[in-house]
PDB file of N, CA and C in Angstrom:
ATOM      1  N   MET A   1       8.680 -13.186  -3.105  1.00  0.00           N
ATOM      2  CA  MET A   1       8.342 -12.166  -4.074  1.00  0.00           C
ATOM      3  C   MET A   1       7.440 -11.099  -3.452  1.00  0.00           C
ATOM      4  N   ILE A   2       6.304 -11.479  -2.899  1.00  0.00           N
ATOM      5  CA  ILE A   2       5.401 -10.506  -2.282  1.00  0.00           C
ATOM      6  C   ILE A   2       5.831 -10.290  -0.838  1.00  0.00           C
ATOM      7  N   ASP A   3       6.041  -9.044  -0.472  1.00  0.00           N
ATOM      8  CA  ASP A   3       6.389  -8.706   0.903  1.00  0.00           C
ATOM      9  C   ASP A   3       5.124  -8.444   1.720  1.00  0.00           C
ATOM     10  N   HIS A   4       4.227  -7.607   1.156  1.00  0.00           N
ATOM     11  CA  HIS A   4       2.941  -7.349   1.810  1.00  0.00           C
ATOM     12  C   HIS A   4       1.974  -6.726   0.812  1.00  0.00           C
ATOM     13  N   ILE A   5       0.706  -6.705   1.191  1.00  0.00           N
ATOM     14  CA  ILE A   5      -0.348  -6.143   0.348  1.00  0.00           C
ATOM     15  C   ILE A   5      -1.306  -5.362   1.236  1.00  0.00           C
ATOM     16  N   SER A   6      -1.955  -4.359   0.661  1.00  0.00           N
ATOM     17  CA  SER A   6      -2.891  -3.531   1.407  1.00  0.00           C
ATOM     18  C   SER A   6      -4.138  -3.285   0.573  1.00  0.00           C
ATOM     19  N   VAL A   7      -5.288  -3.335   1.235  1.00  0.00           N
ATOM     20  CA  VAL A   7      -6.565  -3.008   0.595  1.00  0.00           C
ATOM     21  C   VAL A   7      -7.244  -1.936   1.422  1.00  0.00           C
ATOM     22  N   GLN A   8      -8.239  -1.294   0.818  1.00  0.00           N
ATOM     23  CA  GLN A   8      -8.959  -0.219   1.498  1.00  0.00           C
ATOM     24  C   GLN A   8     -10.402  -0.633   1.769  1.00  0.00           C
ATOM     25  N   THR A   9     -10.993  -0.004   2.783  1.00  0.00           N
ATOM     26  CA  THR A   9     -12.356  -0.302   3.194  1.00  0.00           C
ATOM     27  C   THR A   9     -13.140   0.987   3.420  1.00  0.00           C
ATOM     28  N   ASP A  10     -14.445   0.912   3.188  1.00  0.00           N
ATOM     29  CA  ASP A  10     -15.314   2.061   3.446  1.00  0.00           C
ATOM     30  C   ASP A  10     -15.676   2.183   4.922  1.00  0.00           C
ATOM     31  N   ASP A  11     -15.684   1.050   5.653  1.00  0.00           N
ATOM     32  CA  ASP A  11     -16.052   1.040   7.061  1.00  0.00           C
ATOM     33  C   ASP A  11     -14.919   0.383   7.845  1.00  0.00           C
ATOM     34  N   PHE A  12     -13.959   1.195   8.278  1.00  0.00           N
ATOM     35  CA  PHE A  12     -12.754   0.689   8.928  1.00  0.00           C
ATOM     36  C   PHE A  12     -13.076  -0.104  10.193  1.00  0.00           C
ATOM     37  N   ALA A  13     -13.963   0.399  11.033  1.00  0.00           N
ATOM     38  CA  ALA A  13     -14.287  -0.287  12.288  1.00  0.00           C
ATOM     39  C   ALA A  13     -14.893  -1.663  12.017  1.00  0.00           C
ATOM     40  N   ALA A  14     -15.838  -1.727  11.098  1.00  0.00           N
ATOM     41  CA  ALA A  14     -16.477  -3.013  10.786  1.00  0.00           C
ATOM     42  C   ALA A  14     -15.484  -3.975  10.143  1.00  0.00           C
ATOM     43  N   ALA A  15     -14.639  -3.455   9.253  1.00  0.00           N
ATOM     44  CA  ALA A  15     -13.685  -4.322   8.559  1.00  0.00           C
ATOM     45  C   ALA A  15     -12.624  -4.864   9.514  1.00  0.00           C
ATOM     46  N   THR A  16     -12.113  -4.010  10.402  1.00  0.00           N
ATOM     47  CA  THR A  16     -11.101  -4.511  11.343  1.00  0.00           C
ATOM     48  C   THR A  16     -11.711  -5.530  12.298  1.00  0.00           C
ATOM     49  N   ALA A  17     -12.934  -5.317  12.732  1.00  0.00           N
ATOM     50  CA  ALA A  17     -13.590  -6.311  13.598  1.00  0.00           C
ATOM     51  C   ALA A  17     -13.725  -7.641  12.856  1.00  0.00           C
ATOM     52  N   TRP A  18     -14.082  -7.569  11.580  1.00  0.00           N
ATOM     53  CA  TRP A  18     -14.244  -8.782  10.778  1.00  0.00           C
ATOM     54  C   TRP A  18     -12.910  -9.500  10.606  1.00  0.00           C
ATOM     55  N   TYR A  19     -11.850  -8.757  10.223  1.00  0.00           N
ATOM     56  CA  TYR A  19     -10.536  -9.380  10.036  1.00  0.00           C
ATOM     57  C   TYR A  19      -9.935  -9.852  11.362  1.00  0.00           C
ATOM     58  N   ASP A  20     -10.153  -9.102  12.444  1.00  0.00           N
ATOM     59  CA  ASP A  20      -9.674  -9.551  13.758  1.00  0.00           C
ATOM     60  C   ASP A  20     -10.209 -10.955  14.051  1.00  0.00           C
ATOM     61  N   ALA A  21     -11.498 -11.150  13.805  1.00  0.00           N
ATOM     62  CA  ALA A  21     -12.147 -12.428  14.119  1.00  0.00           C
ATOM     63  C   ALA A  21     -11.807 -13.523  13.114  1.00  0.00           C
ATOM     64  N   THR A  22     -11.838 -13.207  11.823  1.00  0.00           N
ATOM     65  CA  THR A  22     -11.665 -14.264  10.816  1.00  0.00           C
ATOM     66  C   THR A  22     -10.215 -14.707  10.646  1.00  0.00           C
ATOM     67  N   LEU A  23      -9.254 -13.837  10.949  1.00  0.00           N
ATOM     68  CA  LEU A  23      -7.855 -14.238  10.818  1.00  0.00           C
ATOM     69  C   LEU A  23      -7.323 -14.958  12.058  1.00  0.00           C
ATOM     70  N   ALA A  24      -8.002 -14.805  13.200  1.00  0.00           N
ATOM     71  CA  ALA A  24      -7.560 -15.448  14.442  1.00  0.00           C
ATOM     72  C   ALA A  24      -7.429 -16.968  14.319  1.00  0.00           C
ATOM     73  N   PRO A  25      -8.396 -17.675  13.706  1.00  0.00           N
ATOM     74  CA  PRO A  25      -8.244 -19.128  13.589  1.00  0.00           C
ATOM     75  C   PRO A  25      -7.055 -19.550  12.720  1.00  0.00           C
ATOM     76  N   LEU A  26      -6.554 -18.630  11.894  1.00  0.00           N
ATOM     77  CA  LEU A  26      -5.404 -18.922  11.044  1.00  0.00           C
ATOM     78  C   LEU A  26      -4.091 -18.595  11.751  1.00  0.00           C
ATOM     79  N   GLY A  27      -4.187 -18.061  12.967  1.00  0.00           N
ATOM     80  CA  GLY A  27      -2.996 -17.723  13.728  1.00  0.00           C
ATOM     81  C   GLY A  27      -2.493 -16.313  13.501  1.00  0.00           C
ATOM     82  N   TYR A  28      -3.335 -15.450  12.916  1.00  0.00           N
ATOM     83  CA  TYR A  28      -2.936 -14.077  12.641  1.00  0.00           C
ATOM     84  C   TYR A  28      -3.720 -13.113  13.513  1.00  0.00           C
ATOM     85  N   ALA A  29      -3.103 -11.967  13.797  1.00  0.00           N
ATOM     86  CA  ALA A  29      -3.728 -10.952  14.643  1.00  0.00           C
ATOM     87  C   ALA A  29      -3.348  -9.571  14.135  1.00  0.00           C
ATOM     88  N   ARG A  30      -4.049  -8.574  14.647  1.00  0.00           N
ATOM     89  CA  ARG A  30      -3.688  -7.190  14.351  1.00  0.00           C
ATOM     90  C   ARG A  30      -2.431  -6.886  15.166  1.00  0.00           C
ATOM     91  N   VAL A  31      -1.321  -6.630  14.485  1.00  0.00           N
ATOM     92  CA  VAL A  31      -0.045  -6.436  15.175  1.00  0.00           C
ATOM     93  C   VAL A  31       0.464  -4.998  15.094  1.00  0.00           C
ATOM     94  N   MET A  32      -0.194  -4.159  14.274  1.00  0.00           N
ATOM     95  CA  MET A  32       0.162  -2.739  14.201  1.00  0.00           C
ATOM     96  C   MET A  32      -1.105  -1.943  13.922  1.00  0.00           C
ATOM     97  N   ASP A  33      -1.134  -0.748  14.488  1.00  0.00           N
ATOM     98  CA  ASP A  33      -2.239   0.176  14.274  1.00  0.00           C
ATOM     99  C   ASP A  33      -1.688   1.570  14.079  1.00  0.00           C
ATOM    100  N   PHE A  34      -2.152   2.234  13.023  1.00  0.00           N
ATOM    101  CA  PHE A  34      -1.875   3.649  12.805  1.00  0.00           C
ATOM    102  C   PHE A  34      -3.241   4.296  12.680  1.00  0.00           C
ATOM    103  N   ASP A  35      -3.294   5.574  12.453  1.00  0.00           N
ATOM    104  CA  ASP A  35      -4.563   6.262  12.284  1.00  0.00           C
ATOM    105  C   ASP A  35      -5.248   5.789  11.009  1.00  0.00           C
ATOM    106  N   GLY A  36      -6.262   4.956  11.147  1.00  0.00           N
ATOM    107  CA  GLY A  36      -7.010   4.475   9.995  1.00  0.00           C
ATOM    108  C   GLY A  36      -6.331   3.372   9.202  1.00  0.00           C
ATOM    109  N   VAL A  37      -5.307   2.734   9.783  1.00  0.00           N
ATOM    110  CA  VAL A  37      -4.594   1.652   9.116  1.00  0.00           C
ATOM    111  C   VAL A  37      -4.298   0.561  10.140  1.00  0.00           C
ATOM    112  N   ALA A  38      -4.537  -0.693   9.768  1.00  0.00           N
ATOM    113  CA  ALA A  38      -4.243  -1.827  10.647  1.00  0.00           C
ATOM    114  C   ALA A  38      -3.382  -2.829   9.887  1.00  0.00           C
ATOM    115  N   GLY A  39      -2.375  -3.356  10.560  1.00  0.00           N
ATOM    116  CA  GLY A  39      -1.493  -4.350   9.969  1.00  0.00           C
ATOM    117  C   GLY A  39      -1.685  -5.694  10.649  1.00  0.00           C
ATOM    118  N   TYR A  40      -1.824  -6.755   9.851  1.00  0.00           N
ATOM    119  CA  TYR A  40      -2.063  -8.106  10.364  1.00  0.00           C
ATOM    120  C   TYR A  40      -0.904  -9.025  10.014  1.00  0.00           C
ATOM    121  N   GLY A  41      -0.596  -9.910  10.960  1.00  0.00           N
ATOM    122  CA  GLY A  41       0.450 -10.900  10.754  1.00  0.00           C
ATOM    123  C   GLY A  41       0.442 -11.880  11.903  1.00  0.00           C
ATOM    124  N   PRO A  42       1.473 -12.715  11.995  1.00  0.00           N
ATOM    125  CA  PRO A  42       1.542 -13.632  13.132  1.00  0.00           C
ATOM    126  C   PRO A  42       1.713 -12.845  14.433  1.00  0.00           C
ATOM    127  N   GLU A  43       1.109 -13.330  15.516  1.00  0.00           N
ATOM    128  CA  GLU A  43       1.196 -12.662  16.821  1.00  0.00           C
ATOM    129  C   GLU A  43       2.650 -12.342  17.143  1.00  0.00           C
ATOM    130  N   GLY A  44       2.947 -11.057  17.398  1.00  0.00           N
ATOM    131  CA  GLY A  44       4.297 -10.620  17.701  1.00  0.00           C
ATOM    132  C   GLY A  44       5.200 -10.500  16.483  1.00  0.00           C
ATOM    133  N   GLY A  45       4.629 -10.711  15.288  1.00  0.00           N
ATOM    134  CA  GLY A  45       5.428 -10.695  14.068  1.00  0.00           C
ATOM    135  C   GLY A  45       5.249  -9.438  13.249  1.00  0.00           C
ATOM    136  N   VAL A  46       5.655  -9.541  12.000  1.00  0.00           N
ATOM    137  CA  VAL A  46       5.615  -8.428  11.054  1.00  0.00           C
ATOM    138  C   VAL A  46       4.342  -8.519  10.218  1.00  0.00           C
ATOM    139  N   PRO A  47       3.644  -7.406  10.018  1.00  0.00           N
ATOM    140  CA  PRO A  47       2.429  -7.434   9.199  1.00  0.00           C
ATOM    141  C   PRO A  47       2.732  -7.737   7.735  1.00  0.00           C
ATOM    142  N   ALA A  48       1.868  -8.549   7.129  1.00  0.00           N
ATOM    143  CA  ALA A  48       1.959  -8.844   5.698  1.00  0.00           C
ATOM    144  C   ALA A  48       0.682  -8.433   4.988  1.00  0.00           C
ATOM    145  N   PHE A  49      -0.389  -8.216   5.753  1.00  0.00           N
ATOM    146  CA  PHE A  49      -1.669  -7.768   5.198  1.00  0.00           C
ATOM    147  C   PHE A  49      -2.062  -6.495   5.919  1.00  0.00           C
ATOM    148  N   TRP A  50      -2.344  -5.449   5.136  1.00  0.00           N
ATOM    149  CA  TRP A  50      -2.723  -4.150   5.692  1.00  0.00           C
ATOM    150  C   TRP A  50      -4.125  -3.787   5.247  1.00  0.00           C
ATOM    151  N   LEU A  51      -4.861  -3.169   6.143  1.00  0.00           N
ATOM    152  CA  LEU A  51      -6.213  -2.714   5.866  1.00  0.00           C
ATOM    153  C   LEU A  51      -6.268  -1.236   6.201  1.00  0.00           C
ATOM    154  N   GLY A  52      -6.763  -0.420   5.267  1.00  0.00           N
ATOM    155  CA  GLY A  52      -6.816   1.017   5.497  1.00  0.00           C
ATOM    156  C   GLY A  52      -8.167   1.595   5.148  1.00  0.00           C
ATOM    157  N   ALA A  53      -8.497   2.684   5.800  1.00  0.00           N
ATOM    158  CA  ALA A  53      -9.734   3.402   5.497  1.00  0.00           C
ATOM    159  C   ALA A  53      -9.618   3.998   4.095  1.00  0.00           C
ATOM    160  N   ALA A  54     -10.652   3.813   3.287  1.00  0.00           N
ATOM    161  CA  ALA A  54     -10.669   4.345   1.924  1.00  0.00           C
ATOM    162  C   ALA A  54     -10.569   5.862   1.978  1.00  0.00           C
ATOM    163  N   THR A  55      -9.726   6.412   1.139  1.00  0.00           N
ATOM    164  CA  THR A  55      -9.534   7.864   1.111  1.00  0.00           C
ATOM    165  C   THR A  55     -10.060   8.489  -0.169  1.00  0.00           C
ATOM    166  N   ASP A  56     -10.443   7.656  -1.130  1.00  0.00           N
ATOM    167  CA  ASP A  56     -10.902   8.157  -2.421  1.00  0.00           C
ATOM    168  C   ASP A  56     -12.234   7.510  -2.773  1.00  0.00           C
ATOM    169  N   PRO A  57     -13.344   8.121  -2.352  1.00  0.00           N
ATOM    170  CA  PRO A  57     -14.648   7.537  -2.682  1.00  0.00           C
ATOM    171  C   PRO A  57     -14.795   7.359  -4.189  1.00  0.00           C
ATOM    172  N   GLY A  58     -15.308   6.223  -4.587  1.00  0.00           N
ATOM    173  CA  GLY A  58     -15.510   5.946  -6.002  1.00  0.00           C
ATOM    174  C   GLY A  58     -14.309   5.313  -6.663  1.00  0.00           C
ATOM    175  N   GLY A  59     -13.248   5.115  -5.945  1.00  0.00           N
ATOM    176  CA  GLY A  59     -12.073   4.476  -6.515  1.00  0.00           C
ATOM    177  C   GLY A  59     -11.103   4.100  -5.421  1.00  0.00           C
ATOM    178  N   ARG A  60     -10.548   2.928  -5.528  1.00  0.00           N
ATOM    179  CA  ARG A  60      -9.606   2.465  -4.513  1.00  0.00           C
ATOM    180  C   ARG A  60      -8.332   1.995  -5.180  1.00  0.00           C
ATOM    181  N   GLN A  61      -7.238   2.356  -4.589  1.00  0.00           N
ATOM    182  CA  GLN A  61      -5.972   1.836  -5.077  1.00  0.00           C
ATOM    183  C   GLN A  61      -5.614   0.596  -4.260  1.00  0.00           C
ATOM    184  N   THR A  62      -4.917  -0.307  -4.877  1.00  0.00           N
ATOM    185  CA  THR A  62      -4.324  -1.436  -4.178  1.00  0.00           C
ATOM    186  C   THR A  62      -2.870  -1.090  -3.938  1.00  0.00           C
ATOM    187  N   HIS A  63      -2.343  -1.553  -2.819  1.00  0.00           N
ATOM    188  CA  HIS A  63      -0.918  -1.379  -2.534  1.00  0.00           C
ATOM    189  C   HIS A  63      -0.295  -2.767  -2.487  1.00  0.00           C
ATOM    190  N   ILE A  64       0.770  -2.943  -3.239  1.00  0.00           N
ATOM    191  CA  ILE A  64       1.503  -4.198  -3.210  1.00  0.00           C
ATOM    192  C   ILE A  64       2.981  -3.887  -3.089  1.00  0.00           C
ATOM    193  N   ALA A  65       3.655  -4.630  -2.224  1.00  0.00           N
ATOM    194  CA  ALA A  65       5.091  -4.429  -2.013  1.00  0.00           C
ATOM    195  C   ALA A  65       5.836  -5.692  -2.402  1.00  0.00           C
ATOM    196  N   PHE A  66       6.863  -5.511  -3.215  1.00  0.00           N
ATOM    197  CA  PHE A  66       7.709  -6.609  -3.654  1.00  0.00           C
ATOM    198  C   PHE A  66       8.999  -6.606  -2.837  1.00  0.00           C
ATOM    199  N   SER A  67       9.456  -7.789  -2.452  1.00  0.00           N
ATOM    200  CA  SER A  67      10.702  -7.938  -1.704  1.00  0.00           C
ATOM    201  C   SER A  67      11.892  -7.656  -2.617  1.00  0.00           C
ATOM    202  N   ALA A  68      12.835  -6.913  -2.084  1.00  0.00           N
ATOM    203  CA  ALA A  68      14.085  -6.626  -2.805  1.00  0.00           C
ATOM    204  C   ALA A  68      15.244  -7.241  -2.024  1.00  0.00           C
ATOM    205  N   ALA A  69      16.221  -7.750  -2.753  1.00  0.00           N
ATOM    206  CA  ALA A  69      17.366  -8.414  -2.118  1.00  0.00           C
ATOM    207  C   ALA A  69      18.240  -7.446  -1.330  1.00  0.00           C
ATOM    208  N   ASP A  70      18.326  -6.202  -1.818  1.00  0.00           N
ATOM    209  CA  ASP A  70      19.171  -5.218  -1.144  1.00  0.00           C
ATOM    210  C   ASP A  70      18.691  -3.814  -1.512  1.00  0.00           C
ATOM    211  N   ARG A  71      19.307  -2.825  -0.930  1.00  0.00           N
ATOM    212  CA  ARG A  71      18.892  -1.434  -1.147  1.00  0.00           C
ATOM    213  C   ARG A  71      19.159  -0.968  -2.572  1.00  0.00           C
ATOM    214  N   GLU A  72      20.208  -1.473  -3.192  1.00  0.00           N
ATOM    215  CA  GLU A  72      20.466  -1.107  -4.587  1.00  0.00           C
ATOM    216  C   GLU A  72      19.336  -1.586  -5.485  1.00  0.00           C
ATOM    217  N   ALA A  73      18.778  -2.756  -5.198  1.00  0.00           N
ATOM    218  CA  ALA A  73      17.648  -3.259  -5.986  1.00  0.00           C
ATOM    219  C   ALA A  73      16.431  -2.346  -5.824  1.00  0.00           C
ATOM    220  N   VAL A  74      16.222  -1.813  -4.630  1.00  0.00           N
ATOM    221  CA  VAL A  74      15.122  -0.858  -4.409  1.00  0.00           C
ATOM    222  C   VAL A  74      15.344   0.383  -5.264  1.00  0.00           C
ATOM    223  N   ARG A  75      16.573   0.891  -5.267  1.00  0.00           N
ATOM    224  CA  ARG A  75      16.879   2.086  -6.067  1.00  0.00           C
ATOM    225  C   ARG A  75      16.728   1.798  -7.567  1.00  0.00           C
ATOM    226  N   ALA A  76      17.138   0.617  -8.008  1.00  0.00           N
ATOM    227  CA  ALA A  76      17.010   0.256  -9.429  1.00  0.00           C
ATOM    228  C   ALA A  76      15.537   0.133  -9.821  1.00  0.00           C
ATOM    229  N   PHE A  77      14.731  -0.488  -8.961  1.00  0.00           N
ATOM    230  CA  PHE A  77      13.285  -0.583  -9.193  1.00  0.00           C
ATOM    231  C   PHE A  77      12.701   0.812  -9.394  1.00  0.00           C
ATOM    232  N   HIS A  78      13.034   1.710  -8.483  1.00  0.00           N
ATOM    233  CA  HIS A  78      12.506   3.073  -8.537  1.00  0.00           C
ATOM    234  C   HIS A  78      12.944   3.780  -9.815  1.00  0.00           C
ATOM    235  N   ARG A  79      14.207   3.669 -10.145  1.00  0.00           N
ATOM    236  CA  ARG A  79      14.760   4.317 -11.347  1.00  0.00           C
ATOM    237  C   ARG A  79      14.036   3.836 -12.612  1.00  0.00           C
ATOM    238  N   VAL A  80      13.896   2.526 -12.772  1.00  0.00           N
ATOM    239  CA  VAL A  80      13.247   1.965 -13.960  1.00  0.00           C
ATOM    240  C   VAL A  80      11.771   2.342 -13.997  1.00  0.00           C
ATOM    241  N   ALA A  81      11.085   2.241 -12.848  1.00  0.00           N
ATOM    242  CA  ALA A  81       9.657   2.587 -12.809  1.00  0.00           C
ATOM    243  C   ALA A  81       9.420   4.025 -13.252  1.00  0.00           C
ATOM    244  N   VAL A  82      10.260   4.942 -12.777  1.00  0.00           N
ATOM    245  CA  VAL A  82      10.105   6.358 -13.138  1.00  0.00           C
ATOM    246  C   VAL A  82      10.452   6.579 -14.608  1.00  0.00           C
ATOM    247  N   GLU A  83      11.501   5.917 -15.095  1.00  0.00           N
ATOM    248  CA  GLU A  83      11.864   6.031 -16.511  1.00  0.00           C
ATOM    249  C   GLU A  83      10.722   5.576 -17.419  1.00  0.00           C
ATOM    250  N   LEU A  84       9.922   4.624 -16.942  1.00  0.00           N
ATOM    251  CA  LEU A  84       8.808   4.099 -17.734  1.00  0.00           C
ATOM    252  C   LEU A  84       7.495   4.828 -17.454  1.00  0.00           C
ATOM    253  N   GLY A  85       7.579   5.981 -16.789  1.00  0.00           N
ATOM    254  CA  GLY A  85       6.394   6.810 -16.593  1.00  0.00           C
ATOM    255  C   GLY A  85       5.696   6.645 -15.267  1.00  0.00           C
ATOM    256  N   GLY A  86       6.248   5.847 -14.364  1.00  0.00           N
ATOM    257  CA  GLY A  86       5.637   5.696 -13.044  1.00  0.00           C
ATOM    258  C   GLY A  86       5.705   7.006 -12.271  1.00  0.00           C
ATOM    259  N   GLU A  87       4.622   7.316 -11.583  1.00  0.00           N
ATOM    260  CA  GLU A  87       4.566   8.533 -10.765  1.00  0.00           C
ATOM    261  C   GLU A  87       5.289   8.276  -9.447  1.00  0.00           C
ATOM    262  N   ILE A  88       6.176   9.161  -9.068  1.00  0.00           N
ATOM    263  CA  ILE A  88       6.891   9.028  -7.805  1.00  0.00           C
ATOM    264  C   ILE A  88       5.938   9.335  -6.651  1.00  0.00           C
ATOM    265  N   LEU A  89       5.792   8.369  -5.761  1.00  0.00           N
ATOM    266  CA  LEU A  89       5.048   8.609  -4.526  1.00  0.00           C
ATOM    267  C   LEU A  89       6.013   8.901  -3.386  1.00  0.00           C
ATOM    268  N   HIS A  90       7.075   8.087  -3.279  1.00  0.00           N
ATOM    269  CA  HIS A  90       8.120   8.305  -2.270  1.00  0.00           C
ATOM    270  C   HIS A  90       9.446   7.805  -2.824  1.00  0.00           C
ATOM    271  N   GLU A  91      10.443   8.666  -2.801  1.00  0.00           N
ATOM    272  CA  GLU A  91      11.800   8.305  -3.218  1.00  0.00           C
ATOM    273  C   GLU A  91      12.331   7.210  -2.286  1.00  0.00           C
ATOM    274  N   PRO A  92      13.322   6.441  -2.729  1.00  0.00           N
ATOM    275  CA  PRO A  92      13.910   5.421  -1.855  1.00  0.00           C
ATOM    276  C   PRO A  92      14.486   6.059  -0.584  1.00  0.00           C
ATOM    277  N   ARG A  93      14.133   5.464   0.551  1.00  0.00           N
ATOM    278  CA  ARG A  93      14.662   5.951   1.831  1.00  0.00           C
ATOM    279  C   ARG A  93      14.368   4.933   2.929  1.00  0.00           C
ATOM    280  N   VAL A  94      14.951   5.165   4.088  1.00  0.00           N
ATOM    281  CA  VAL A  94      14.651   4.378   5.281  1.00  0.00           C
ATOM    282  C   VAL A  94      13.348   4.898   5.880  1.00  0.00           C
ATOM    283  N   TRP A  95      12.501   3.973   6.309  1.00  0.00           N
ATOM    284  CA  TRP A  95      11.224   4.296   6.953  1.00  0.00           C
ATOM    285  C   TRP A  95      11.285   3.793   8.396  1.00  0.00           C
ATOM    286  N   PRO A  96      11.893   4.560   9.325  1.00  0.00           N
ATOM    287  CA  PRO A  96      12.084   4.083  10.690  1.00  0.00           C
ATOM    288  C   PRO A  96      10.778   3.865  11.452  1.00  0.00           C
ATOM    289  N   GLU A  97       9.684   4.490  10.994  1.00  0.00           N
ATOM    290  CA  GLU A  97       8.404   4.277  11.673  1.00  0.00           C
ATOM    291  C   GLU A  97       7.917   2.835  11.506  1.00  0.00           C
ATOM    292  N   TYR A  98       8.439   2.127  10.489  1.00  0.00           N
ATOM    293  CA  TYR A  98       8.092   0.720  10.290  1.00  0.00           C
ATOM    294  C   TYR A  98       9.068  -0.166  11.046  1.00  0.00           C
ATOM    295  N   HIS A  99      10.350   0.002  10.822  1.00  0.00           N
ATOM    296  CA  HIS A  99      11.423  -0.578  11.627  1.00  0.00           C
ATOM    297  C   HIS A  99      12.741   0.026  11.140  1.00  0.00           C
ATOM    298  N   PRO A 100      13.802  -0.067  11.932  1.00  0.00           N
ATOM    299  CA  PRO A 100      15.041   0.669  11.620  1.00  0.00           C
ATOM    300  C   PRO A 100      15.692   0.337  10.274  1.00  0.00           C
ATOM    301  N   ASN A 101      15.449  -0.850   9.727  1.00  0.00           N
ATOM    302  CA  ASN A 101      16.088  -1.236   8.469  1.00  0.00           C
ATOM    303  C   ASN A 101      15.122  -1.269   7.282  1.00  0.00           C
ATOM    304  N   TYR A 102      13.930  -0.734   7.449  1.00  0.00           N
ATOM    305  CA  TYR A 102      12.932  -0.750   6.375  1.00  0.00           C
ATOM    306  C   TYR A 102      13.342   0.288   5.330  1.00  0.00           C
ATOM    307  N   TYR A 103      13.755  -0.191   4.157  1.00  0.00           N
ATOM    308  CA  TYR A 103      14.194   0.688   3.078  1.00  0.00           C
ATOM    309  C   TYR A 103      13.272   0.456   1.891  1.00  0.00           C
ATOM    310  N   GLY A 104      12.486   1.464   1.529  1.00  0.00           N
ATOM    311  CA  GLY A 104      11.506   1.269   0.470  1.00  0.00           C
ATOM    312  C   GLY A 104      11.365   2.466  -0.448  1.00  0.00           C
ATOM    313  N   ALA A 105      10.800   2.204  -1.619  1.00  0.00           N
ATOM    314  CA  ALA A 105      10.459   3.229  -2.604  1.00  0.00           C
ATOM    315  C   ALA A 105       9.069   2.915  -3.130  1.00  0.00           C
ATOM    316  N   PHE A 106       8.273   3.957  -3.361  1.00  0.00           N
ATOM    317  CA  PHE A 106       6.885   3.805  -3.772  1.00  0.00           C
ATOM    318  C   PHE A 106       6.626   4.569  -5.067  1.00  0.00           C
ATOM    319  N   VAL A 107       5.940   3.924  -6.004  1.00  0.00           N
ATOM    320  CA  VAL A 107       5.542   4.561  -7.265  1.00  0.00           C
ATOM    321  C   VAL A 107       4.095   4.186  -7.580  1.00  0.00           C
ATOM    322  N   ARG A 108       3.477   4.981  -8.422  1.00  0.00           N
ATOM    323  CA  ARG A 108       2.137   4.652  -8.906  1.00  0.00           C
ATOM    324  C   ARG A 108       2.297   4.042 -10.293  1.00  0.00           C
ATOM    325  N   ASP A 109       1.698   2.862 -10.483  1.00  0.00           N
ATOM    326  CA  ASP A 109       1.780   2.180 -11.777  1.00  0.00           C
ATOM    327  C   ASP A 109       0.813   2.805 -12.782  1.00  0.00           C
ATOM    328  N   PRO A 110       0.808   2.368 -14.046  1.00  0.00           N
ATOM    329  CA  PRO A 110      -0.061   2.977 -15.055  1.00  0.00           C
ATOM    330  C   PRO A 110      -1.558   2.898 -14.745  1.00  0.00           C
ATOM    331  N   ASP A 111      -1.957   1.970 -13.860  1.00  0.00           N
ATOM    332  CA  ASP A 111      -3.370   1.848 -13.498  1.00  0.00           C
ATOM    333  C   ASP A 111      -3.712   2.563 -12.197  1.00  0.00           C
ATOM    334  N   GLY A 112      -2.753   3.253 -11.606  1.00  0.00           N
ATOM    335  CA  GLY A 112      -3.026   4.019 -10.396  1.00  0.00           C
ATOM    336  C   GLY A 112      -2.746   3.287  -9.096  1.00  0.00           C
ATOM    337  N   ASN A 113      -2.209   2.067  -9.160  1.00  0.00           N
ATOM    338  CA  ASN A 113      -1.904   1.320  -7.940  1.00  0.00           C
ATOM    339  C   ASN A 113      -0.596   1.794  -7.327  1.00  0.00           C
ATOM    340  N   ASN A 114      -0.493   1.676  -6.016  1.00  0.00           N
ATOM    341  CA  ASN A 114       0.691   2.048  -5.257  1.00  0.00           C
ATOM    342  C   ASN A 114       1.592   0.816  -5.182  1.00  0.00           C
ATOM    343  N   VAL A 115       2.732   0.851  -5.871  1.00  0.00           N
ATOM    344  CA  VAL A 115       3.639  -0.290  -5.948  1.00  0.00           C
ATOM    345  C   VAL A 115       4.944   0.089  -5.251  1.00  0.00           C
ATOM    346  N   GLU A 116       5.415  -0.815  -4.420  1.00  0.00           N
ATOM    347  CA  GLU A 116       6.604  -0.567  -3.601  1.00  0.00           C
ATOM    348  C   GLU A 116       7.617  -1.681  -3.792  1.00  0.00           C
ATOM    349  N   ALA A 117       8.889  -1.325  -3.672  1.00  0.00           N
ATOM    350  CA  ALA A 117       9.960  -2.307  -3.501  1.00  0.00           C
ATOM    351  C   ALA A 117      10.543  -2.044  -2.122  1.00  0.00           C
ATOM    352  N   VAL A 118      10.774  -3.124  -1.353  1.00  0.00           N
ATOM    353  CA  VAL A 118      11.254  -2.957   0.011  1.00  0.00           C
ATOM    354  C   VAL A 118      12.337  -3.970   0.346  1.00  0.00           C
ATOM    355  N   CYS A 119      13.335  -3.495   1.072  1.00  0.00           N
ATOM    356  CA  CYS A 119      14.397  -4.333   1.604  1.00  0.00           C
ATOM    357  C   CYS A 119      14.394  -4.157   3.113  1.00  0.00           C
ATOM    358  N   HIS A 120      14.478  -5.261   3.852  1.00  0.00           N
ATOM    359  CA  HIS A 120      14.448  -5.205   5.302  1.00  0.00           C
ATOM    360  C   HIS A 120      15.846  -5.379   5.917  1.00  0.00           C
ATOM    361  N   ARG A 121      16.853  -5.474   5.077  1.00  0.00           N
ATOM    362  CA  ARG A 121      18.227  -5.673   5.556  1.00  0.00           C
ATOM    363  C   ARG A 121      18.891  -4.345   5.859  1.00  0.00           C
ATOM    364  N   PRO A 122      19.840  -4.344   6.784  1.00  0.00           N
ATOM    365  CA  PRO A 122      20.577  -3.105   7.037  1.00  0.00           C
ATOM    366  C   PRO A 122      21.445  -2.725   5.842  1.00  0.00           C
ATOM    367  N   ALA A 123      21.849  -1.472   5.805  1.00  0.00           N
ATOM    368  CA  ALA A 123      22.737  -1.002   4.735  1.00  0.00           C
ATOM    369  C   ALA A 123      24.028  -1.782   4.779  1.00  0.00           C
ATOM    370  N   ASP A 124      24.602  -2.019   3.598  1.00  0.00           N
ATOM    371  CA  ASP A 124      25.879  -2.761   3.527  1.00  0.00           C
ATOM    372  C   ASP A 124      27.028  -1.927   3.998  1.00  0.00           C
TER     373      ASP A 124
END
C-alpha cells in the first residue's frame, strides 16, 4: 500500500547526519541525494523514506505515496482526487529522474498534504 513517505526538517545537515547514523544499524543508508532532499533505503536499493529541507516556515506538508498496480490506476487516482477538490500538483507522467518506469501523479489533499499514486512498472 505505502510506496514511500517524506518528511521535512528545519536543519537538513543535522537531520541527515542523524538519519545516516540511526538507520545504519537497521540496514538502511542514504541511497539518493538531490538539492536539499535525501532518500533512504536498503544499500543499493530504492528509497522508501525521504527527508527534505523545510520550505514553508511555520507549516510542513507530509508527502505520502501509494502504490498503484498500473498506470491506469494512477490516472484514475488523479481523476477522482481532482473531481473531489484535490489541488493538482503534477499531472500523471513518467518521472525519468527517479527511474525510467516511474509513473506518478501528485495532488494536494484537503489538509494540504502532498499525496501521490505511483506505478513502477513499464507501460503496457
